[in-house]
Amino acid sequence: MKVIVDSDVWSEAFRKRAGDPSPELRMLGDLIRESRVQMLGCIRQEVLQGLGRQEVFERIRQTLRPLPDQEVTALEYELAAEFFNTCRQNGIQGSSTDFLIAACSAAFGLPILTKDKDFARYAEHLPLKLVQV
């Protein structure tokens, strides 16, 4: 089964310099070796935006390029809006990108690998499956 890897795990992979890798980063390595990573365009954008130097941007872009994006349709965007509303009604705030990732996870039946604790809060009210490491 493929796994959606959130931008925070990718960011650690591209920026971590010292110390032991997190369990999520070790799992990312396994997922890449097994060709089980499912990329989303919104995650690709989050990973690439804000990179200060063009050569770093190009290196990371070329590293991610072989991972094709899962097509996202109006149905997933509508589900993301529904998820946003559900969480907001339960006092939980989140970003539009987080809810789009959540909607894609639910719609495609794919778990999410993330270090972002907000997803555990969303999962209390949404049909999300998070990878436990």
C-alpha atoms as a PDB file:
ATOM      1  CA  MET A   1       0.000   0.000   0.000  1.00  0.00           C
ATOM      2  CA  LYS A   2       1.186   3.494  -0.833  1.00  0.00           C
ATOM      3  CA  VAL A   3       1.607   6.116   1.896  1.00  0.00           C
ATOM      4  CA  ILE A   4       1.152   9.887   1.715  1.00  0.00           C
ATOM      5  CA  VAL A   5       4.271  11.455   3.243  1.00  0.00           C
ATOM      6  CA  ASP A   6       3.633  14.876   4.763  1.00  0.00           C
ATOM      7  CA  SER A   7       5.947  17.798   4.056  1.00  0.00           C
ATOM      8  CA  ASP A   8       7.371  17.839   7.592  1.00  0.00           C
ATOM      9  CA  VAL A   9       8.939  14.410   7.041  1.00  0.00           C
ATOM     10  CA  TRP A  10      10.327  15.474   3.657  1.00  0.00           C
ATOM     11  CA  SER A  11      11.694  18.661   5.225  1.00  0.00           C
ATOM     12  CA  GLU A  12      13.570  16.628   7.796  1.00  0.00           C
ATOM     13  CA  ALA A  13      14.953  14.413   5.041  1.00  0.00           C
ATOM     14  CA  PHE A  14      16.293  17.372   3.089  1.00  0.00           C
ATOM     15  CA  ARG A  15      17.428  19.540   5.986  1.00  0.00           C
ATOM     16  CA  LYS A  16      18.531  17.264   8.833  1.00  0.00           C
ATOM     17  CA  ARG A  17      22.251  17.535   9.411  1.00  0.00           C
ATOM     18  CA  ALA A  18      23.133  16.035  12.808  1.00  0.00           C
ATOM     19  CA  GLY A  19      21.823  13.500  15.247  1.00  0.00           C
ATOM     20  CA  ASP A  20      19.821  10.364  14.767  1.00  0.00           C
ATOM     21  CA  PRO A  21      17.015  10.361  12.205  1.00  0.00           C
ATOM     22  CA  SER A  22      13.488  10.304  13.532  1.00  0.00           C
ATOM     23  CA  PRO A  23      11.439   7.105  13.228  1.00  0.00           C
ATOM     24  CA  GLU A  24       9.416   8.877  10.519  1.00  0.00           C
ATOM     25  CA  LEU A  25      12.564   9.615   8.526  1.00  0.00           C
ATOM     26  CA  ARG A  26      13.719   6.002   8.798  1.00  0.00           C
ATOM     27  CA  MET A  27      10.291   4.884   7.580  1.00  0.00           C
ATOM     28  CA  LEU A  28      10.488   7.324   4.654  1.00  0.00           C
ATOM     29  CA  GLY A  29      13.686   5.601   3.570  1.00  0.00           C
ATOM     30  CA  ASP A  30      11.897   2.248   3.636  1.00  0.00           C
ATOM     31  CA  LEU A  31       8.931   3.627   1.695  1.00  0.00           C
ATOM     32  CA  ILE A  32      11.196   5.077  -0.985  1.00  0.00           C
ATOM     33  CA  ARG A  33      13.112   1.798  -1.364  1.00  0.00           C
ATOM     34  CA  GLU A  34       9.798  -0.072  -1.662  1.00  0.00           C
ATOM     35  CA  SER A  35       8.303   2.483  -4.135  1.00  0.00           C
ATOM     36  CA  ARG A  36       5.403   3.089  -1.739  1.00  0.00           C
ATOM     37  CA  VAL A  37       5.451   6.903  -1.527  1.00  0.00           C
ATOM     38  CA  GLN A  38       2.367   8.690  -2.859  1.00  0.00           C
ATOM     39  CA  MET A  39       3.103  12.325  -3.673  1.00  0.00           C
ATOM     40  CA  LEU A  40       0.493  15.075  -3.716  1.00  0.00           C
ATOM     41  CA  GLY A  41       1.052  18.363  -5.523  1.00  0.00           C
ATOM     42  CA  CYS A  42       0.297  20.390  -2.400  1.00  0.00           C
ATOM     43  CA  ILE A  43       3.010  18.519  -0.475  1.00  0.00           C
ATOM     44  CA  ARG A  44       5.500  19.004  -3.312  1.00  0.00           C
ATOM     45  CA  GLN A  45       4.734  22.740  -3.189  1.00  0.00           C
ATOM     46  CA  GLU A  46       5.166  22.933   0.603  1.00  0.00           C
ATOM     47  CA  VAL A  47       8.525  21.174   0.427  1.00  0.00           C
ATOM     48  CA  LEU A  48       9.825  23.416  -2.356  1.00  0.00           C
ATOM     49  CA  GLN A  49       8.532  26.796  -1.230  1.00  0.00           C
ATOM     50  CA  GLY A  50      10.701  28.963   0.953  1.00  0.00           C
ATOM     51  CA  LEU A  51      14.008  27.480  -0.176  1.00  0.00           C
ATOM     52  CA  GLY A  52      16.335  30.450  -0.219  1.00  0.00           C
ATOM     53  CA  ARG A  53      18.941  29.290  -2.683  1.00  0.00           C
ATOM     54  CA  GLN A  54      18.099  28.303  -6.248  1.00  0.00           C
ATOM     55  CA  GLU A  55      20.621  25.450  -6.291  1.00  0.00           C
ATOM     56  CA  VAL A  56      18.951  23.889  -3.229  1.00  0.00           C
ATOM     57  CA  PHE A  57      15.536  24.346  -4.848  1.00  0.00           C
ATOM     58  CA  GLU A  58      16.762  22.627  -8.036  1.00  0.00           C
ATOM     59  CA  ARG A  59      18.387  19.749  -6.140  1.00  0.00           C
ATOM     60  CA  ILE A  60      15.239  19.030  -4.137  1.00  0.00           C
ATOM     61  CA  ARG A  61      12.991  19.487  -7.168  1.00  0.00           C
ATOM     62  CA  GLN A  62      15.039  16.951  -9.120  1.00  0.00           C
ATOM     63  CA  THR A  63      14.978  14.531  -6.182  1.00  0.00           C
ATOM     64  CA  LEU A  64      11.163  14.715  -5.967  1.00  0.00           C
ATOM     65  CA  ARG A  65      10.542  14.764  -9.721  1.00  0.00           C
ATOM     66  CA  PRO A  66      10.399  10.943 -10.166  1.00  0.00           C
ATOM     67  CA  LEU A  67       7.477  10.759  -7.722  1.00  0.00           C
ATOM     68  CA  PRO A  68       4.282  11.300  -9.748  1.00  0.00           C
ATOM     69  CA  ASP A  69       1.466  13.267  -8.152  1.00  0.00           C
ATOM     70  CA  GLN A  70      -1.854  11.604  -7.417  1.00  0.00           C
ATOM     71  CA  GLU A  71      -4.505  13.506  -9.351  1.00  0.00           C
ATOM     72  CA  VAL A  72      -6.692  15.612  -7.084  1.00  0.00           C
ATOM     73  CA  THR A  73     -10.188  16.446  -8.324  1.00  0.00           C
ATOM     74  CA  ALA A  74     -13.033  18.694  -7.251  1.00  0.00           C
ATOM     75  CA  LEU A  75     -14.323  15.843  -5.073  1.00  0.00           C
ATOM     76  CA  GLU A  76     -11.203  15.910  -2.883  1.00  0.00           C
ATOM     77  CA  TYR A  77     -11.314  19.703  -2.616  1.00  0.00           C
ATOM     78  CA  GLU A  78     -14.965  19.537  -1.585  1.00  0.00           C
ATOM     79  CA  LEU A  79     -14.158  16.843   0.968  1.00  0.00           C
ATOM     80  CA  ALA A  80     -11.307  19.008   2.294  1.00  0.00           C
ATOM     81  CA  ALA A  81     -13.789  21.861   2.827  1.00  0.00           C
ATOM     82  CA  GLU A  82     -16.163  19.467   4.568  1.00  0.00           C
ATOM     83  CA  PHE A  83     -13.326  18.240   6.805  1.00  0.00           C
ATOM     84  CA  PHE A  84     -12.357  21.841   7.606  1.00  0.00           C
ATOM     85  CA  ASN A  85     -15.948  22.587   8.620  1.00  0.00           C
ATOM     86  CA  THR A  86     -16.252  19.423  10.719  1.00  0.00           C
ATOM     87  CA  CYS A  87     -13.069  20.178  12.629  1.00  0.00           C
ATOM     88  CA  ARG A  88     -13.943  23.843  13.076  1.00  0.00           C
ATOM     89  CA  GLN A  89     -17.327  22.844  14.540  1.00  0.00           C
ATOM     90  CA  ASN A  90     -15.357  20.779  17.044  1.00  0.00           C
ATOM     91  CA  GLY A  91     -13.006  23.635  17.959  1.00  0.00           C
ATOM     92  CA  ILE A  92     -10.077  22.425  15.860  1.00  0.00           C
ATOM     93  CA  GLN A  93      -8.281  24.751  13.465  1.00  0.00           C
ATOM     94  CA  GLY A  94      -5.999  23.702  10.641  1.00  0.00           C
ATOM     95  CA  SER A  95      -4.587  24.795   7.333  1.00  0.00           C
ATOM     96  CA  SER A  96      -6.288  24.319   3.991  1.00  0.00           C
ATOM     97  CA  THR A  97      -3.345  22.184   2.905  1.00  0.00           C
ATOM     98  CA  ASP A  98      -3.693  19.903   5.935  1.00  0.00           C
ATOM     99  CA  PHE A  99      -7.361  19.343   5.174  1.00  0.00           C
ATOM    100  CA  LEU A 100      -6.604  18.662   1.508  1.00  0.00           C
ATOM    101  CA  ILE A 101      -4.042  16.042   2.578  1.00  0.00           C
ATOM    102  CA  ALA A 102      -6.629  14.578   4.965  1.00  0.00           C
ATOM    103  CA  ALA A 103      -9.257  14.491   2.215  1.00  0.00           C
ATOM    104  CA  CYS A 104      -6.874  12.747  -0.179  1.00  0.00           C
ATOM    105  CA  SER A 105      -6.007  10.224   2.508  1.00  0.00           C
ATOM    106  CA  ALA A 106      -9.672   9.430   3.101  1.00  0.00           C
ATOM    107  CA  ALA A 107     -10.695   9.471  -0.564  1.00  0.00           C
ATOM    108  CA  PHE A 108      -7.812   7.307  -1.780  1.00  0.00           C
ATOM    109  CA  GLY A 109      -7.713   5.034   1.265  1.00  0.00           C
ATOM    110  CA  LEU A 110      -4.068   5.872   1.977  1.00  0.00           C
ATOM    111  CA  PRO A 111      -2.445   6.408   5.370  1.00  0.00           C
ATOM    112  CA  ILE A 112      -0.454   9.551   6.190  1.00  0.00           C
ATOM    113  CA  LEU A 113       3.103   9.544   7.535  1.00  0.00           C
ATOM    114  CA  THR A 114       3.535  12.788   9.457  1.00  0.00           C
ATOM    115  CA  LYS A 115       5.233  14.287  12.481  1.00  0.00           C
ATOM    116  CA  ASP A 116       2.520  16.957  12.711  1.00  0.00           C
ATOM    117  CA  LYS A 117       0.477  16.329  15.872  1.00  0.00           C
ATOM    118  CA  ASP A 118      -2.464  18.244  14.376  1.00  0.00           C
ATOM    119  CA  PHE A 119      -3.319  15.216  12.243  1.00  0.00           C
ATOM    120  CA  ALA A 120      -3.963  13.143  15.373  1.00  0.00           C
ATOM    121  CA  ARG A 121      -6.435  15.820  16.476  1.00  0.00           C
ATOM    122  CA  TYR A 122      -8.114  15.798  13.067  1.00  0.00           C
ATOM    123  CA  ALA A 123      -8.323  11.993  13.184  1.00  0.00           C
ATOM    124  CA  GLU A 124     -10.525  12.230  16.283  1.00  0.00           C
ATOM    125  CA  HIS A 125     -13.265  13.617  13.997  1.00  0.00           C
ATOM    126  CA  LEU A 126     -12.272  12.504  10.495  1.00  0.00           C
ATOM    127  CA  PRO A 127     -11.818   9.084   8.866  1.00  0.00           C
ATOM    128  CA  LEU A 128      -8.022   9.305   8.743  1.00  0.00           C
ATOM    129  CA  LYS A 129      -5.482   6.547   9.004  1.00  0.00           C
ATOM    130  CA  LEU A 130      -2.122   7.666  10.339  1.00  0.00           C
ATOM    131  CA  VAL A 131       1.066   5.612  10.128  1.00  0.00           C
ATOM    132  CA  GLN A 132       2.185   4.662  13.626  1.00  0.00           C
ATOM    133  CA  VAL A 133       5.960   4.603  14.052  1.00  0.00           C
END
